[in-house]
Amino acid sequence: MSTTSGKTLGGRRAQAARNDEVILEAARAVFLDDPKAPIAAVAERAGVGISALYRRYAGKEDLLRQLCHDGLRRYVEEAETALAEPDDWAAFTGFLARVVDADVHSLTVHLAGTFTPTEEMGRDAMRAGELAATLVDRAHASGRLRPDAVVHDLGLLLEACAAVRVPDPERTRQLRRRQLAVLLAGLSSVPDTDPLPGPAPAAGEFDWRWRRRE
């Protein structure tokens, strides 16, 4: 293969990767807003033709599966990163903060039951559970995590944070971090005197959800 043709092929692959990222970002936004939305809505939001989308994904279920598997892989990645942290409590809380910021559980809440998981997803889910259990065990060993807290409480915590959403993404991040701090204070066996992060929720800040959609 000549240098020129090699560069052309590399350029096409890079463009294909960028297109796929755009499609996945669009799919995430569309399906978090409405899991029943047609796949054509994803193509429209991504600014690509429907044929370009179908070249990558055979159908809506494949796209949903990819989104959730990506989220699961991110969860595993963040847990593995946390295990390298020598401070057991910092490892636990840092892991949760990064998963909340990545908004992994919004996908779980909205898209569960909309596709058939693969065997690989099952293996990754088992790995995620094992890593989370290790982080919880370490947090218990540190003396900071209350003794009656269990690994499955993490799912409740993460889903509670994922439920917080306002139209502005940065404000959503701030509110979720504040919610996380409140929940972690409840899990900690040691009183936390640090102020809650971010501006407090304002009166009427969540009223937008009551506006009727056209």
N, C-alpha and C. Protein backbone atom coordinates (compact mmCIF):
# COMPACT_ATOMS: atom_id res chain seq x y z
N MET A 1 0.85 -1.19 0.00
CA MET A 1 0.00 0.00 0.00
C MET A 1 0.88 1.24 0.00
N SER A 2 0.58 2.21 -0.87
CA SER A 2 1.39 3.42 -0.94
C SER A 2 1.13 4.30 0.26
N THR A 3 2.05 5.26 0.48
CA THR A 3 1.89 6.18 1.60
C THR A 3 0.62 7.00 1.47
N THR A 4 0.34 7.42 0.22
CA THR A 4 -0.84 8.25 -0.02
C THR A 4 -2.13 7.49 0.26
N SER A 5 -2.20 6.25 -0.25
CA SER A 5 -3.42 5.47 -0.02
C SER A 5 -3.57 5.10 1.44
N GLY A 6 -2.42 4.88 2.12
CA GLY A 6 -2.47 4.57 3.55
C GLY A 6 -3.01 5.74 4.34
N LYS A 7 -2.58 6.95 3.99
CA LYS A 7 -3.09 8.14 4.67
C LYS A 7 -4.56 8.34 4.41
N THR A 8 -4.98 8.03 3.16
CA THR A 8 -6.39 8.18 2.81
C THR A 8 -7.26 7.22 3.63
N LEU A 9 -6.77 5.96 3.74
CA LEU A 9 -7.50 4.97 4.51
C LEU A 9 -7.57 5.37 5.99
N GLY A 10 -6.43 5.87 6.50
CA GLY A 10 -6.40 6.31 7.89
C GLY A 10 -7.34 7.47 8.13
N GLY A 11 -7.41 8.38 7.16
CA GLY A 11 -8.30 9.52 7.27
C GLY A 11 -9.76 9.10 7.27
N ARG A 12 -10.07 8.10 6.44
CA ARG A 12 -11.45 7.61 6.38
C ARG A 12 -11.84 6.93 7.68
N ARG A 13 -10.90 6.18 8.24
CA ARG A 13 -11.18 5.51 9.51
C ARG A 13 -11.40 6.53 10.63
N ALA A 14 -10.57 7.57 10.62
CA ALA A 14 -10.73 8.61 11.64
C ALA A 14 -12.07 9.30 11.49
N GLN A 15 -12.47 9.58 10.24
CA GLN A 15 -13.76 10.22 10.00
C GLN A 15 -14.90 9.32 10.41
N ALA A 16 -14.75 8.01 10.14
CA ALA A 16 -15.79 7.05 10.53
C ALA A 16 -15.93 7.00 12.04
N ALA A 17 -14.79 7.06 12.74
CA ALA A 17 -14.83 7.05 14.20
C ALA A 17 -15.51 8.31 14.73
N ARG A 18 -15.23 9.44 14.10
CA ARG A 18 -15.88 10.70 14.51
C ARG A 18 -17.38 10.64 14.26
N ASN A 19 -17.75 10.10 13.11
CA ASN A 19 -19.18 9.97 12.79
C ASN A 19 -19.89 9.07 13.80
N ASP A 20 -19.22 7.98 14.17
CA ASP A 20 -19.82 7.07 15.14
C ASP A 20 -20.00 7.75 16.48
N GLU A 21 -19.02 8.57 16.88
CA GLU A 21 -19.13 9.29 18.14
C GLU A 21 -20.29 10.28 18.10
N VAL A 22 -20.45 10.95 16.98
CA VAL A 22 -21.55 11.89 16.83
C VAL A 22 -22.90 11.17 16.92
N ILE A 23 -22.98 10.01 16.28
CA ILE A 23 -24.21 9.22 16.31
C ILE A 23 -24.54 8.77 17.73
N LEU A 24 -23.53 8.29 18.45
CA LEU A 24 -23.76 7.81 19.81
C LEU A 24 -24.16 8.95 20.74
N GLU A 25 -23.53 10.11 20.58
CA GLU A 25 -23.91 11.27 21.39
C GLU A 25 -25.36 11.67 21.10
N ALA A 26 -25.72 11.66 19.83
CA ALA A 26 -27.09 12.00 19.46
C ALA A 26 -28.07 10.97 20.00
N ALA A 27 -27.71 9.70 19.91
CA ALA A 27 -28.59 8.63 20.40
C ALA A 27 -28.79 8.75 21.90
N ARG A 28 -27.74 9.05 22.59
CA ARG A 28 -27.84 9.21 24.04
C ARG A 28 -28.83 10.31 24.40
N ALA A 29 -28.70 11.46 23.73
CA ALA A 29 -29.58 12.59 24.01
C ALA A 29 -31.03 12.26 23.64
N VAL A 30 -31.23 11.64 22.49
CA VAL A 30 -32.58 11.33 22.01
C VAL A 30 -33.27 10.32 22.92
N PHE A 31 -32.57 9.24 23.25
CA PHE A 31 -33.21 8.16 24.00
C PHE A 31 -33.32 8.44 25.49
N LEU A 32 -32.47 9.31 26.01
CA LEU A 32 -32.67 9.73 27.40
C LEU A 32 -33.91 10.60 27.51
N ASP A 33 -34.18 11.35 26.47
CA ASP A 33 -35.38 12.19 26.46
C ASP A 33 -36.63 11.36 26.20
N ASP A 34 -36.51 10.36 25.31
CA ASP A 34 -37.65 9.53 24.96
C ASP A 34 -37.16 8.17 24.47
N PRO A 35 -37.14 7.15 25.33
CA PRO A 35 -36.66 5.83 24.92
C PRO A 35 -37.45 5.22 23.76
N LYS A 36 -38.67 5.71 23.53
CA LYS A 36 -39.49 5.18 22.45
C LYS A 36 -39.29 5.91 21.12
N ALA A 37 -38.39 6.89 21.11
CA ALA A 37 -38.16 7.67 19.89
C ALA A 37 -37.67 6.77 18.76
N PRO A 38 -38.04 7.07 17.52
CA PRO A 38 -37.57 6.25 16.38
C PRO A 38 -36.10 6.52 16.09
N ILE A 39 -35.47 5.58 15.45
CA ILE A 39 -34.05 5.72 15.14
C ILE A 39 -33.80 6.87 14.17
N ALA A 40 -34.82 7.23 13.40
CA ALA A 40 -34.68 8.36 12.48
C ALA A 40 -34.41 9.65 13.23
N ALA A 41 -34.93 9.76 14.47
CA ALA A 41 -34.69 10.95 15.27
C ALA A 41 -33.21 11.08 15.63
N VAL A 42 -32.54 9.95 15.77
CA VAL A 42 -31.10 9.97 16.05
C VAL A 42 -30.34 10.48 14.84
N ALA A 43 -30.68 9.98 13.67
CA ALA A 43 -30.02 10.42 12.44
C ALA A 43 -30.21 11.92 12.24
N GLU A 44 -31.42 12.39 12.51
CA GLU A 44 -31.70 13.81 12.34
C GLU A 44 -30.87 14.66 13.29
N ARG A 45 -30.81 14.24 14.55
CA ARG A 45 -30.04 15.00 15.54
C ARG A 45 -28.55 14.96 15.25
N ALA A 46 -28.08 13.81 14.75
CA ALA A 46 -26.65 13.66 14.45
C ALA A 46 -26.27 14.37 13.16
N GLY A 47 -27.26 14.70 12.34
CA GLY A 47 -26.97 15.36 11.07
C GLY A 47 -26.41 14.40 10.04
N VAL A 48 -26.82 13.13 10.10
CA VAL A 48 -26.36 12.14 9.12
C VAL A 48 -27.58 11.50 8.46
N GLY A 49 -27.37 10.90 7.31
CA GLY A 49 -28.44 10.20 6.65
C GLY A 49 -28.76 8.90 7.37
N ILE A 50 -29.99 8.44 7.23
CA ILE A 50 -30.39 7.21 7.90
C ILE A 50 -29.57 6.03 7.42
N SER A 51 -29.14 6.06 6.14
CA SER A 51 -28.33 4.97 5.60
C SER A 51 -26.97 4.91 6.29
N ALA A 52 -26.41 6.08 6.63
CA ALA A 52 -25.12 6.11 7.33
C ALA A 52 -25.26 5.49 8.72
N LEU A 53 -26.38 5.72 9.36
CA LEU A 53 -26.62 5.15 10.68
C LEU A 53 -26.78 3.63 10.58
N TYR A 54 -27.54 3.17 9.57
CA TYR A 54 -27.77 1.73 9.43
C TYR A 54 -26.52 0.97 8.99
N ARG A 55 -25.55 1.68 8.41
CA ARG A 55 -24.29 1.01 8.08
C ARG A 55 -23.52 0.62 9.34
N ARG A 56 -23.80 1.33 10.43
CA ARG A 56 -23.10 1.07 11.70
C ARG A 56 -23.93 0.20 12.65
N TYR A 57 -25.24 0.40 12.60
CA TYR A 57 -26.12 -0.31 13.54
C TYR A 57 -27.30 -0.88 12.76
N ALA A 58 -27.53 -2.18 12.95
CA ALA A 58 -28.57 -2.85 12.18
C ALA A 58 -29.97 -2.36 12.54
N GLY A 59 -30.12 -1.85 13.75
CA GLY A 59 -31.43 -1.36 14.17
C GLY A 59 -31.33 -0.64 15.50
N LYS A 60 -32.46 -0.20 15.98
CA LYS A 60 -32.50 0.57 17.23
C LYS A 60 -31.97 -0.23 18.41
N GLU A 61 -32.31 -1.51 18.47
CA GLU A 61 -31.86 -2.32 19.61
C GLU A 61 -30.34 -2.40 19.67
N ASP A 62 -29.69 -2.51 18.52
CA ASP A 62 -28.23 -2.55 18.49
C ASP A 62 -27.64 -1.25 19.01
N LEU A 63 -28.28 -0.15 18.67
CA LEU A 63 -27.81 1.15 19.12
C LEU A 63 -28.00 1.31 20.63
N LEU A 64 -29.14 0.89 21.13
CA LEU A 64 -29.39 0.95 22.58
C LEU A 64 -28.40 0.06 23.34
N ARG A 65 -28.14 -1.11 22.79
CA ARG A 65 -27.20 -2.04 23.42
C ARG A 65 -25.80 -1.43 23.48
N GLN A 66 -25.40 -0.79 22.40
CA GLN A 66 -24.07 -0.17 22.37
C GLN A 66 -23.96 0.95 23.40
N LEU A 67 -24.99 1.77 23.51
CA LEU A 67 -24.99 2.85 24.48
C LEU A 67 -24.82 2.32 25.91
N CYS A 68 -25.60 1.31 26.25
CA CYS A 68 -25.54 0.78 27.61
C CYS A 68 -24.24 0.04 27.87
N HIS A 69 -23.72 -0.64 26.87
CA HIS A 69 -22.45 -1.34 27.06
C HIS A 69 -21.32 -0.34 27.24
N ASP A 70 -21.36 0.74 26.51
CA ASP A 70 -20.36 1.79 26.69
C ASP A 70 -20.41 2.33 28.11
N GLY A 71 -21.62 2.52 28.63
CA GLY A 71 -21.77 3.01 30.00
C GLY A 71 -21.24 2.01 31.01
N LEU A 72 -21.49 0.74 30.77
CA LEU A 72 -21.00 -0.32 31.66
C LEU A 72 -19.47 -0.36 31.65
N ARG A 73 -18.90 -0.24 30.46
CA ARG A 73 -17.43 -0.23 30.37
C ARG A 73 -16.85 0.97 31.10
N ARG A 74 -17.53 2.11 31.02
CA ARG A 74 -17.05 3.30 31.73
C ARG A 74 -17.07 3.06 33.24
N TYR A 75 -18.12 2.42 33.73
CA TYR A 75 -18.25 2.09 35.15
C TYR A 75 -17.07 1.21 35.58
N VAL A 76 -16.77 0.18 34.80
CA VAL A 76 -15.65 -0.72 35.11
C VAL A 76 -14.33 0.04 35.10
N GLU A 77 -14.16 0.88 34.10
CA GLU A 77 -12.93 1.67 33.99
C GLU A 77 -12.72 2.56 35.21
N GLU A 78 -13.79 3.23 35.65
CA GLU A 78 -13.68 4.13 36.80
C GLU A 78 -13.43 3.34 38.09
N ALA A 79 -14.02 2.15 38.21
CA ALA A 79 -13.79 1.33 39.39
C ALA A 79 -12.35 0.84 39.43
N GLU A 80 -11.82 0.46 38.29
CA GLU A 80 -10.42 0.01 38.24
C GLU A 80 -9.47 1.16 38.58
N THR A 81 -9.81 2.35 38.11
CA THR A 81 -9.00 3.52 38.45
C THR A 81 -9.04 3.78 39.95
N ALA A 82 -10.22 3.64 40.55
CA ALA A 82 -10.39 3.89 41.97
C ALA A 82 -9.57 2.93 42.82
N LEU A 83 -9.44 1.69 42.38
CA LEU A 83 -8.71 0.70 43.17
C LEU A 83 -7.22 1.03 43.28
N ALA A 84 -6.73 1.89 42.39
CA ALA A 84 -5.33 2.30 42.46
C ALA A 84 -5.11 3.41 43.49
N GLU A 85 -6.19 3.98 44.01
CA GLU A 85 -6.11 5.05 45.02
C GLU A 85 -5.80 4.42 46.39
N PRO A 86 -4.72 4.86 47.05
CA PRO A 86 -4.34 4.24 48.33
C PRO A 86 -5.30 4.54 49.49
N ASP A 87 -5.96 5.68 49.45
CA ASP A 87 -6.90 6.04 50.52
C ASP A 87 -8.24 5.37 50.23
N ASP A 88 -8.66 4.46 51.10
CA ASP A 88 -9.85 3.65 50.84
C ASP A 88 -11.13 4.48 50.72
N TRP A 89 -11.31 5.48 51.57
CA TRP A 89 -12.51 6.31 51.51
C TRP A 89 -12.48 7.21 50.28
N ALA A 90 -11.31 7.76 49.98
CA ALA A 90 -11.17 8.60 48.79
C ALA A 90 -11.42 7.78 47.53
N ALA A 91 -10.98 6.53 47.53
CA ALA A 91 -11.22 5.66 46.38
C ALA A 91 -12.72 5.47 46.17
N PHE A 92 -13.42 5.23 47.25
CA PHE A 92 -14.87 4.99 47.21
C PHE A 92 -15.62 6.23 46.73
N THR A 93 -15.36 7.35 47.36
CA THR A 93 -16.10 8.58 47.03
C THR A 93 -15.70 9.12 45.66
N GLY A 94 -14.42 8.99 45.31
CA GLY A 94 -13.97 9.46 44.00
C GLY A 94 -14.58 8.66 42.87
N PHE A 95 -14.69 7.37 43.08
CA PHE A 95 -15.34 6.50 42.09
C PHE A 95 -16.78 6.94 41.87
N LEU A 96 -17.52 7.14 42.94
CA LEU A 96 -18.92 7.54 42.81
C LEU A 96 -19.05 8.89 42.13
N ALA A 97 -18.18 9.83 42.47
CA ALA A 97 -18.25 11.16 41.85
C ALA A 97 -18.02 11.08 40.34
N ARG A 98 -17.07 10.27 39.93
CA ARG A 98 -16.77 10.17 38.49
C ARG A 98 -17.89 9.46 37.73
N VAL A 99 -18.49 8.45 38.35
CA VAL A 99 -19.60 7.76 37.70
C VAL A 99 -20.82 8.68 37.59
N VAL A 100 -21.05 9.47 38.63
CA VAL A 100 -22.16 10.43 38.58
C VAL A 100 -21.90 11.47 37.49
N ASP A 101 -20.68 11.98 37.42
CA ASP A 101 -20.36 12.97 36.38
C ASP A 101 -20.50 12.39 34.98
N ALA A 102 -20.17 11.10 34.82
CA ALA A 102 -20.27 10.46 33.51
C ALA A 102 -21.72 10.14 33.15
N ASP A 103 -22.64 10.24 34.11
CA ASP A 103 -24.07 10.03 33.88
C ASP A 103 -24.36 8.62 33.36
N VAL A 104 -23.64 7.67 33.88
CA VAL A 104 -23.80 6.28 33.43
C VAL A 104 -25.19 5.75 33.76
N HIS A 105 -25.70 6.06 34.93
CA HIS A 105 -26.95 5.42 35.38
C HIS A 105 -28.21 6.01 34.76
N SER A 106 -28.11 7.14 34.11
CA SER A 106 -29.28 7.61 33.37
C SER A 106 -29.65 6.62 32.28
N LEU A 107 -28.62 6.06 31.64
CA LEU A 107 -28.87 5.05 30.61
C LEU A 107 -29.52 3.81 31.22
N THR A 108 -29.01 3.38 32.37
CA THR A 108 -29.56 2.20 33.03
C THR A 108 -31.04 2.40 33.36
N VAL A 109 -31.36 3.55 33.93
CA VAL A 109 -32.73 3.83 34.36
C VAL A 109 -33.68 3.91 33.17
N HIS A 110 -33.25 4.59 32.11
CA HIS A 110 -34.14 4.84 30.99
C HIS A 110 -34.22 3.69 29.98
N LEU A 111 -33.14 2.94 29.82
CA LEU A 111 -33.07 1.98 28.72
C LEU A 111 -33.15 0.52 29.15
N ALA A 112 -33.16 0.24 30.46
CA ALA A 112 -33.25 -1.15 30.92
C ALA A 112 -34.52 -1.79 30.36
N GLY A 113 -34.36 -3.00 29.82
CA GLY A 113 -35.50 -3.73 29.29
C GLY A 113 -35.85 -3.40 27.86
N THR A 114 -35.06 -2.52 27.20
CA THR A 114 -35.35 -2.15 25.82
C THR A 114 -34.52 -2.94 24.81
N PHE A 115 -33.63 -3.82 25.29
CA PHE A 115 -32.80 -4.62 24.40
C PHE A 115 -32.38 -5.89 25.13
N THR A 116 -31.87 -6.84 24.37
CA THR A 116 -31.36 -8.09 24.95
C THR A 116 -29.85 -7.97 25.16
N PRO A 117 -29.37 -8.07 26.39
CA PRO A 117 -27.93 -7.96 26.65
C PRO A 117 -27.16 -9.13 26.03
N THR A 118 -25.92 -8.89 25.67
CA THR A 118 -25.06 -9.93 25.14
C THR A 118 -24.34 -10.65 26.28
N GLU A 119 -23.72 -11.79 25.96
CA GLU A 119 -22.93 -12.51 26.96
C GLU A 119 -21.76 -11.65 27.44
N GLU A 120 -21.18 -10.89 26.53
CA GLU A 120 -20.08 -10.01 26.93
C GLU A 120 -20.54 -8.96 27.94
N MET A 121 -21.73 -8.42 27.74
CA MET A 121 -22.28 -7.48 28.70
C MET A 121 -22.48 -8.14 30.06
N GLY A 122 -22.92 -9.40 30.03
CA GLY A 122 -23.10 -10.13 31.28
C GLY A 122 -21.78 -10.29 32.03
N ARG A 123 -20.72 -10.59 31.29
CA ARG A 123 -19.41 -10.74 31.93
C ARG A 123 -18.93 -9.40 32.48
N ASP A 124 -19.14 -8.33 31.71
CA ASP A 124 -18.73 -7.01 32.18
C ASP A 124 -19.54 -6.59 33.41
N ALA A 125 -20.81 -6.95 33.44
CA ALA A 125 -21.64 -6.62 34.60
C ALA A 125 -21.15 -7.35 35.85
N MET A 126 -20.74 -8.61 35.68
CA MET A 126 -20.18 -9.35 36.81
C MET A 126 -18.89 -8.69 37.30
N ARG A 127 -18.06 -8.28 36.36
CA ARG A 127 -16.82 -7.60 36.71
C ARG A 127 -17.12 -6.30 37.44
N ALA A 128 -18.10 -5.56 36.98
CA ALA A 128 -18.49 -4.30 37.63
C ALA A 128 -18.93 -4.56 39.07
N GLY A 129 -19.72 -5.61 39.27
CA GLY A 129 -20.18 -5.94 40.61
C GLY A 129 -19.04 -6.33 41.53
N GLU A 130 -18.08 -7.08 41.01
CA GLU A 130 -16.93 -7.50 41.82
C GLU A 130 -16.08 -6.29 42.23
N LEU A 131 -15.86 -5.38 41.28
CA LEU A 131 -15.06 -4.19 41.58
C LEU A 131 -15.75 -3.31 42.61
N ALA A 132 -17.07 -3.12 42.43
CA ALA A 132 -17.83 -2.30 43.37
C ALA A 132 -17.79 -2.91 44.78
N ALA A 133 -17.90 -4.23 44.85
CA ALA A 133 -17.86 -4.91 46.15
C ALA A 133 -16.50 -4.70 46.82
N THR A 134 -15.44 -4.73 46.03
CA THR A 134 -14.11 -4.50 46.59
C THR A 134 -13.98 -3.09 47.14
N LEU A 135 -14.51 -2.12 46.41
CA LEU A 135 -14.45 -0.73 46.88
C LEU A 135 -15.26 -0.56 48.17
N VAL A 136 -16.40 -1.21 48.24
CA VAL A 136 -17.22 -1.14 49.46
C VAL A 136 -16.50 -1.80 50.62
N ASP A 137 -15.88 -2.95 50.37
CA ASP A 137 -15.12 -3.63 51.43
C ASP A 137 -14.00 -2.74 51.95
N ARG A 138 -13.32 -2.08 51.04
CA ARG A 138 -12.22 -1.19 51.46
C ARG A 138 -12.76 0.00 52.25
N ALA A 139 -13.91 0.54 51.81
CA ALA A 139 -14.50 1.66 52.54
C ALA A 139 -14.93 1.23 53.94
N HIS A 140 -15.43 0.01 54.07
CA HIS A 140 -15.75 -0.52 55.40
C HIS A 140 -14.48 -0.64 56.24
N ALA A 141 -13.42 -1.15 55.63
CA ALA A 141 -12.16 -1.34 56.36
C ALA A 141 -11.58 -0.02 56.84
N SER A 142 -11.89 1.06 56.13
CA SER A 142 -11.37 2.37 56.52
C SER A 142 -12.05 2.91 57.77
N GLY A 143 -13.22 2.33 58.10
CA GLY A 143 -13.99 2.82 59.24
C GLY A 143 -14.90 3.98 58.91
N ARG A 144 -14.88 4.43 57.65
CA ARG A 144 -15.70 5.59 57.26
C ARG A 144 -17.10 5.19 56.79
N LEU A 145 -17.23 4.01 56.21
CA LEU A 145 -18.53 3.58 55.68
C LEU A 145 -19.32 2.88 56.79
N ARG A 146 -20.53 3.34 57.00
CA ARG A 146 -21.34 2.77 58.07
C ARG A 146 -21.49 1.26 57.87
N PRO A 147 -21.47 0.48 58.94
CA PRO A 147 -21.40 -0.98 58.82
C PRO A 147 -22.60 -1.65 58.18
N ASP A 148 -23.76 -0.99 58.18
CA ASP A 148 -24.94 -1.62 57.59
C ASP A 148 -25.12 -1.29 56.11
N ALA A 149 -24.19 -0.53 55.53
CA ALA A 149 -24.25 -0.22 54.10
C ALA A 149 -23.76 -1.42 53.30
N VAL A 150 -24.45 -1.75 52.20
CA VAL A 150 -24.07 -2.88 51.36
C VAL A 150 -23.80 -2.39 49.94
N VAL A 151 -23.18 -3.25 49.15
CA VAL A 151 -22.79 -2.84 47.80
C VAL A 151 -23.99 -2.44 46.95
N HIS A 152 -25.15 -3.07 47.19
CA HIS A 152 -26.32 -2.75 46.38
C HIS A 152 -26.89 -1.36 46.70
N ASP A 153 -26.46 -0.77 47.80
CA ASP A 153 -26.85 0.61 48.08
C ASP A 153 -26.28 1.57 47.04
N LEU A 154 -25.19 1.16 46.39
CA LEU A 154 -24.59 2.03 45.37
C LEU A 154 -25.55 2.25 44.21
N GLY A 155 -26.30 1.20 43.85
CA GLY A 155 -27.27 1.35 42.78
C GLY A 155 -28.34 2.36 43.13
N LEU A 156 -28.82 2.32 44.38
CA LEU A 156 -29.81 3.29 44.82
C LEU A 156 -29.25 4.70 44.78
N LEU A 157 -28.02 4.85 45.26
CA LEU A 157 -27.39 6.16 45.28
C LEU A 157 -27.21 6.72 43.88
N LEU A 158 -26.71 5.90 42.97
CA LEU A 158 -26.43 6.37 41.61
C LEU A 158 -27.71 6.67 40.84
N GLU A 159 -28.75 5.88 41.08
CA GLU A 159 -30.02 6.17 40.41
C GLU A 159 -30.65 7.45 40.96
N ALA A 160 -30.48 7.71 42.25
CA ALA A 160 -31.00 8.94 42.83
C ALA A 160 -30.31 10.16 42.23
N CYS A 161 -29.01 10.06 42.02
CA CYS A 161 -28.28 11.18 41.41
C CYS A 161 -28.67 11.34 39.94
N ALA A 162 -28.86 10.22 39.23
CA ALA A 162 -29.22 10.28 37.81
C ALA A 162 -30.59 10.90 37.61
N ALA A 163 -31.45 10.82 38.62
CA ALA A 163 -32.80 11.37 38.50
C ALA A 163 -32.79 12.90 38.50
N VAL A 164 -31.70 13.50 38.96
CA VAL A 164 -31.59 14.96 39.00
C VAL A 164 -31.22 15.46 37.61
N ARG A 165 -32.08 16.28 37.03
CA ARG A 165 -31.81 16.77 35.67
C ARG A 165 -32.54 18.09 35.45
N VAL A 166 -31.82 19.07 34.95
CA VAL A 166 -32.39 20.35 34.53
C VAL A 166 -31.90 20.62 33.11
N PRO A 167 -32.48 21.57 32.40
CA PRO A 167 -32.08 21.78 31.00
C PRO A 167 -30.61 22.13 30.80
N ASP A 168 -30.00 22.82 31.76
CA ASP A 168 -28.60 23.23 31.61
C ASP A 168 -27.68 22.11 32.11
N PRO A 169 -26.82 21.54 31.25
CA PRO A 169 -25.96 20.42 31.65
C PRO A 169 -25.02 20.74 32.81
N GLU A 170 -24.46 21.94 32.83
CA GLU A 170 -23.53 22.30 33.91
C GLU A 170 -24.28 22.41 35.24
N ARG A 171 -25.48 22.96 35.21
CA ARG A 171 -26.26 23.04 36.44
C ARG A 171 -26.68 21.64 36.90
N THR A 172 -26.99 20.78 35.96
CA THR A 172 -27.29 19.39 36.30
C THR A 172 -26.11 18.76 37.03
N ARG A 173 -24.91 18.98 36.52
CA ARG A 173 -23.71 18.43 37.16
C ARG A 173 -23.56 18.96 38.58
N GLN A 174 -23.78 20.26 38.77
CA GLN A 174 -23.67 20.86 40.10
C GLN A 174 -24.67 20.25 41.08
N LEU A 175 -25.91 20.12 40.63
CA LEU A 175 -26.96 19.60 41.50
C LEU A 175 -26.71 18.13 41.84
N ARG A 176 -26.22 17.37 40.88
CA ARG A 176 -25.93 15.96 41.14
C ARG A 176 -24.78 15.82 42.14
N ARG A 177 -23.76 16.66 42.02
CA ARG A 177 -22.67 16.61 42.98
C ARG A 177 -23.18 16.95 44.39
N ARG A 178 -24.10 17.87 44.47
CA ARG A 178 -24.67 18.23 45.77
C ARG A 178 -25.49 17.07 46.33
N GLN A 179 -26.30 16.46 45.47
CA GLN A 179 -27.08 15.30 45.89
C GLN A 179 -26.16 14.17 46.35
N LEU A 180 -25.08 13.96 45.64
CA LEU A 180 -24.12 12.92 46.02
C LEU A 180 -23.54 13.20 47.40
N ALA A 181 -23.20 14.46 47.65
CA ALA A 181 -22.63 14.82 48.95
C ALA A 181 -23.63 14.54 50.08
N VAL A 182 -24.90 14.84 49.84
CA VAL A 182 -25.94 14.56 50.84
C VAL A 182 -26.03 13.07 51.12
N LEU A 183 -26.01 12.27 50.06
CA LEU A 183 -26.14 10.82 50.21
C LEU A 183 -24.90 10.20 50.86
N LEU A 184 -23.72 10.70 50.49
CA LEU A 184 -22.51 10.18 51.11
C LEU A 184 -22.44 10.52 52.59
N ALA A 185 -22.99 11.68 52.96
CA ALA A 185 -23.03 12.03 54.38
C ALA A 185 -23.87 11.01 55.15
N GLY A 186 -24.91 10.50 54.50
CA GLY A 186 -25.74 9.48 55.13
C GLY A 186 -25.06 8.13 55.23
N LEU A 187 -24.12 7.87 54.33
CA LEU A 187 -23.39 6.60 54.35
C LEU A 187 -22.16 6.63 55.25
N SER A 188 -21.71 7.83 55.58
CA SER A 188 -20.48 7.95 56.36
C SER A 188 -20.76 7.77 57.85
N SER A 189 -19.86 7.07 58.51
CA SER A 189 -19.97 6.88 59.96
C SER A 189 -19.36 8.04 60.72
N VAL A 190 -18.73 8.97 59.98
CA VAL A 190 -18.07 10.13 60.58
C VAL A 190 -18.79 11.39 60.12
N PRO A 191 -19.22 12.26 61.02
CA PRO A 191 -19.91 13.49 60.61
C PRO A 191 -19.05 14.33 59.67
N ASP A 192 -19.67 14.82 58.61
CA ASP A 192 -18.97 15.65 57.62
C ASP A 192 -19.36 17.11 57.85
N THR A 193 -18.38 17.92 58.21
CA THR A 193 -18.67 19.33 58.49
C THR A 193 -18.41 20.23 57.29
N ASP A 194 -17.95 19.64 56.18
CA ASP A 194 -17.71 20.46 54.99
C ASP A 194 -19.04 20.97 54.43
N PRO A 195 -19.05 22.18 53.88
CA PRO A 195 -20.30 22.69 53.28
C PRO A 195 -20.67 21.87 52.05
N LEU A 196 -21.95 21.79 51.78
CA LEU A 196 -22.40 21.10 50.57
C LEU A 196 -21.91 21.84 49.34
N PRO A 197 -21.51 21.12 48.29
CA PRO A 197 -20.95 21.78 47.10
C PRO A 197 -22.01 22.45 46.25
N GLY A 198 -21.58 23.46 45.50
CA GLY A 198 -22.43 24.09 44.52
C GLY A 198 -23.53 24.95 45.10
N PRO A 199 -24.12 25.81 44.30
CA PRO A 199 -25.28 26.58 44.75
C PRO A 199 -26.44 25.67 45.10
N ALA A 200 -27.15 26.00 46.17
CA ALA A 200 -28.31 25.20 46.58
C ALA A 200 -29.41 25.30 45.53
N PRO A 201 -30.30 24.32 45.47
CA PRO A 201 -31.44 24.41 44.55
C PRO A 201 -32.26 25.66 44.86
N ALA A 202 -32.70 26.33 43.82
CA ALA A 202 -33.48 27.55 43.99
C ALA A 202 -34.96 27.24 43.89
N ALA A 203 -35.76 28.08 44.51
CA ALA A 203 -37.21 27.92 44.42
C ALA A 203 -37.65 27.98 42.96
N GLY A 204 -38.42 27.01 42.53
CA GLY A 204 -38.92 26.99 41.16
C GLY A 204 -37.94 26.43 40.14
N GLU A 205 -36.78 25.97 40.59
CA GLU A 205 -35.76 25.53 39.62
C GLU A 205 -36.19 24.29 38.84
N PHE A 206 -37.10 23.52 39.42
CA PHE A 206 -37.54 22.31 38.73
C PHE A 206 -38.92 22.45 38.10
N ASP A 207 -39.44 23.66 38.08
CA ASP A 207 -40.77 23.87 37.52
C ASP A 207 -40.82 23.64 36.01
N TRP A 208 -39.66 23.70 35.35
CA TRP A 208 -39.63 23.55 33.89
C TRP A 208 -40.23 22.22 33.44
N ARG A 209 -40.15 21.19 34.30
CA ARG A 209 -40.62 19.87 33.87
C ARG A 209 -42.14 19.80 33.77
N TRP A 210 -42.83 20.81 34.34
CA TRP A 210 -44.28 20.83 34.27
C TRP A 210 -44.81 21.53 33.03
N ARG A 211 -43.90 22.10 32.25
CA ARG A 211 -44.35 22.74 31.02
C ARG A 211 -44.75 21.68 29.99
N ARG A 212 -45.88 21.87 29.40
CA ARG A 212 -46.38 20.88 28.44
C ARG A 212 -45.54 20.92 27.17
N ARG A 213 -45.15 19.73 26.71
CA ARG A 213 -44.36 19.65 25.48
C ARG A 213 -45.26 19.77 24.28
N GLU A 214 -44.77 20.50 23.32
CA GLU A 214 -45.54 20.68 22.07
C GLU A 214 -45.30 19.50 21.13
